[in-house]
C-alpha atoms as a PDB file:
ATOM      1  CA  MET A   1      -3.023 200.614 182.108  1.00  0.00           C
ATOM      2  CA  TRP A   2      -0.646 199.845 184.934  1.00  0.00           C
ATOM      3  CA  LEU A   3      -3.099 197.000 186.150  1.00  0.00           C
ATOM      4  CA  SER A   4      -3.425 195.478 182.944  1.00  0.00           C
ATOM      5  CA  ALA A   5       0.710 195.175 182.978  1.00  0.00           C
ATOM      6  CA  VAL A   6       0.989 193.800 186.096  1.00  0.00           C
ATOM      7  CA  GLY A   7      -1.746 191.096 185.447  1.00  0.00           C
ATOM      8  CA  ALA A   8       0.094 190.053 182.387  1.00  0.00           C
ATOM      9  CA  GLY A   9       3.193 190.164 184.338  1.00  0.00           C
ATOM     10  CA  LEU A  10       1.807 187.918 187.244  1.00  0.00           C
ATOM     11  CA  LEU A  11       0.039 185.774 184.994  1.00  0.00           C
ATOM     12  CA  ALA A  12       3.008 184.855 182.701  1.00  0.00           C
ATOM     13  CA  ALA A  13       5.256 184.574 186.012  1.00  0.00           C
ATOM     14  CA  VAL A  14       2.418 181.693 187.070  1.00  0.00           C
ATOM     15  CA  SER A  15       2.402 179.828 183.880  1.00  0.00           C
ATOM     16  CA  ILE A  16       6.200 179.670 184.304  1.00  0.00           C
ATOM     17  CA  PHE A  17       5.769 178.262 187.612  1.00  0.00           C
ATOM     18  CA  LEU A  18       3.134 175.732 186.715  1.00  0.00           C
ATOM     19  CA  GLY A  19       5.102 174.854 183.752  1.00  0.00           C
ATOM     20  CA  GLY A  20       8.541 174.425 185.360  1.00  0.00           C
ATOM     21  CA  ILE A  21       7.429 173.024 188.686  1.00  0.00           C
ATOM     22  CA  VAL A  22       4.016 171.713 188.669  1.00  0.00           C
ATOM     23  CA  VAL A  23       3.731 169.486 185.560  1.00  0.00           C
ATOM     24  CA  PRO A  24       6.944 167.917 186.360  1.00  0.00           C
ATOM     25  CA  ALA A  25       5.348 167.466 189.825  1.00  0.00           C
ATOM     26  CA  LEU A  26       2.388 166.275 188.116  1.00  0.00           C
ATOM     27  CA  LYS A  27       4.163 163.525 186.231  1.00  0.00           C
ATOM     28  CA  GLU A  28       5.800 162.344 189.162  1.00  0.00           C
ATOM     29  CA  GLY A  29       2.722 162.105 190.952  1.00  0.00           C
ATOM     30  CA  ASN A  30       4.264 164.996 194.173  1.00  0.00           C
ATOM     31  CA  ARG A  31       1.121 165.284 196.145  1.00  0.00           C
ATOM     32  CA  PRO A  32       2.599 167.882 198.329  1.00  0.00           C
ATOM     33  CA  ILE A  33       3.278 169.918 195.299  1.00  0.00           C
ATOM     34  CA  ILE A  34       0.260 169.202 193.713  1.00  0.00           C
ATOM     35  CA  ARG A  35      -2.088 170.171 196.883  1.00  0.00           C
ATOM     36  CA  THR A  36      -0.078 173.074 197.582  1.00  0.00           C
ATOM     37  CA  THR A  37      -0.797 174.381 193.921  1.00  0.00           C
ATOM     38  CA  ILE A  38      -4.402 173.876 194.445  1.00  0.00           C
ATOM     39  CA  ILE A  39      -4.564 175.738 197.625  1.00  0.00           C
ATOM     40  CA  ALA A  40      -2.637 178.566 195.927  1.00  0.00           C
ATOM     41  CA  MET A  41      -4.817 178.638 192.712  1.00  0.00           C
ATOM     42  CA  SER A  42      -8.063 178.702 194.910  1.00  0.00           C
ATOM     43  CA  VAL A  43      -6.679 181.624 197.024  1.00  0.00           C
ATOM     44  CA  TRP A  44      -5.940 183.655 194.242  1.00  0.00           C
ATOM     45  CA  TYR A  45      -9.421 182.799 192.514  1.00  0.00           C
ATOM     46  CA  ILE A  46     -11.414 184.106 195.343  1.00  0.00           C
ATOM     47  CA  ILE A  47      -9.133 186.958 196.047  1.00  0.00           C
ATOM     48  CA  ASP A  48      -8.934 188.563 192.797  1.00  0.00           C
ATOM     49  CA  ASN A  49     -12.619 187.852 191.881  1.00  0.00           C
ATOM     50  CA  ILE A  50     -13.730 189.536 194.910  1.00  0.00           C
ATOM     51  CA  GLY A  51     -10.888 192.434 193.936  1.00  0.00           C
ATOM     52  CA  SER A  52     -12.523 192.331 190.375  1.00  0.00           C
ATOM     53  CA  ILE A  53     -16.226 192.515 191.434  1.00  0.00           C
ATOM     54  CA  ALA A  54     -15.490 195.211 193.715  1.00  0.00           C
ATOM     55  CA  ALA A  55     -13.832 197.225 191.347  1.00  0.00           C
ATOM     56  CA  GLY A  56     -16.293 196.696 188.610  1.00  0.00           C
ATOM     57  CA  VAL A  57     -14.670 194.396 186.527  1.00  0.00           C
ATOM     58  CA  SER A  58     -17.218 191.515 186.697  1.00  0.00           C
ATOM     59  CA  SER A  59     -15.901 190.436 183.045  1.00  0.00           C
ATOM     60  CA  ASN A  60     -12.718 189.340 184.888  1.00  0.00           C
ATOM     61  CA  VAL A  61     -14.228 186.504 186.912  1.00  0.00           C
ATOM     62  CA  VAL A  62     -15.290 184.811 183.209  1.00  0.00           C
ATOM     63  CA  PHE A  63     -11.639 185.028 182.388  1.00  0.00           C
ATOM     64  CA  ASN A  64     -10.417 183.903 185.959  1.00  0.00           C
ATOM     65  CA  SER A  65     -12.868 180.903 185.726  1.00  0.00           C
ATOM     66  CA  ILE A  66     -11.705 179.788 182.378  1.00  0.00           C
ATOM     67  CA  TYR A  67      -7.798 179.757 183.924  1.00  0.00           C
ATOM     68  CA  PHE A  68      -8.599 178.207 186.896  1.00  0.00           C
ATOM     69  CA  ALA A  69     -10.933 175.574 185.261  1.00  0.00           C
ATOM     70  CA  LEU A  70      -7.630 174.779 182.774  1.00  0.00           C
ATOM     71  CA  ILE A  71      -5.482 174.680 185.877  1.00  0.00           C
ATOM     72  CA  LEU A  72      -7.694 172.734 188.327  1.00  0.00           C
ATOM     73  CA  ILE A  73      -8.791 170.033 186.053  1.00  0.00           C
ATOM     74  CA  PRO A  74      -5.494 168.095 185.487  1.00  0.00           C
ATOM     75  CA  LEU A  75      -4.762 169.087 189.234  1.00  0.00           C
ATOM     76  CA  LEU A  76      -7.571 166.936 190.356  1.00  0.00           C
ATOM     77  CA  GLY A  77      -7.080 164.471 187.670  1.00  0.00           C
ATOM     78  CA  ILE A  78      -4.289 163.312 189.114  1.00  0.00           C
ATOM     79  CA  GLY A  79      -5.404 161.604 191.762  1.00  0.00           C
ATOM     80  CA  LYS A  80      -7.222 159.098 189.543  1.00  0.00           C
ATOM     81  CA  ASN A  81      -4.752 158.178 187.086  1.00  0.00           C
ATOM     82  CA  GLN A  82      -1.569 157.947 189.601  1.00  0.00           C
ATOM     83  CA  THR A  83      -0.676 157.259 193.092  1.00  0.00           C
ATOM     84  CA  ALA A  84       2.189 158.099 194.983  1.00  0.00           C
END
């Protein structure tokens, strides 16, 4: 149960970070922040999925994949819409 609480807290913190720092960076076309966010989210995705599979919680990979796609699509699309 405590892992669920930790995971929920981490997800909430990441969401606030994305909304408060990354969304304004997207609007400004701030490429260093966008690039760092892509790298950070990719590292999280890989490590969390490996850990989930190793722990026998493969269903978490589905949730992670949906969340990762929702974060990654706007970040990758920004290069086509804005120039910095």
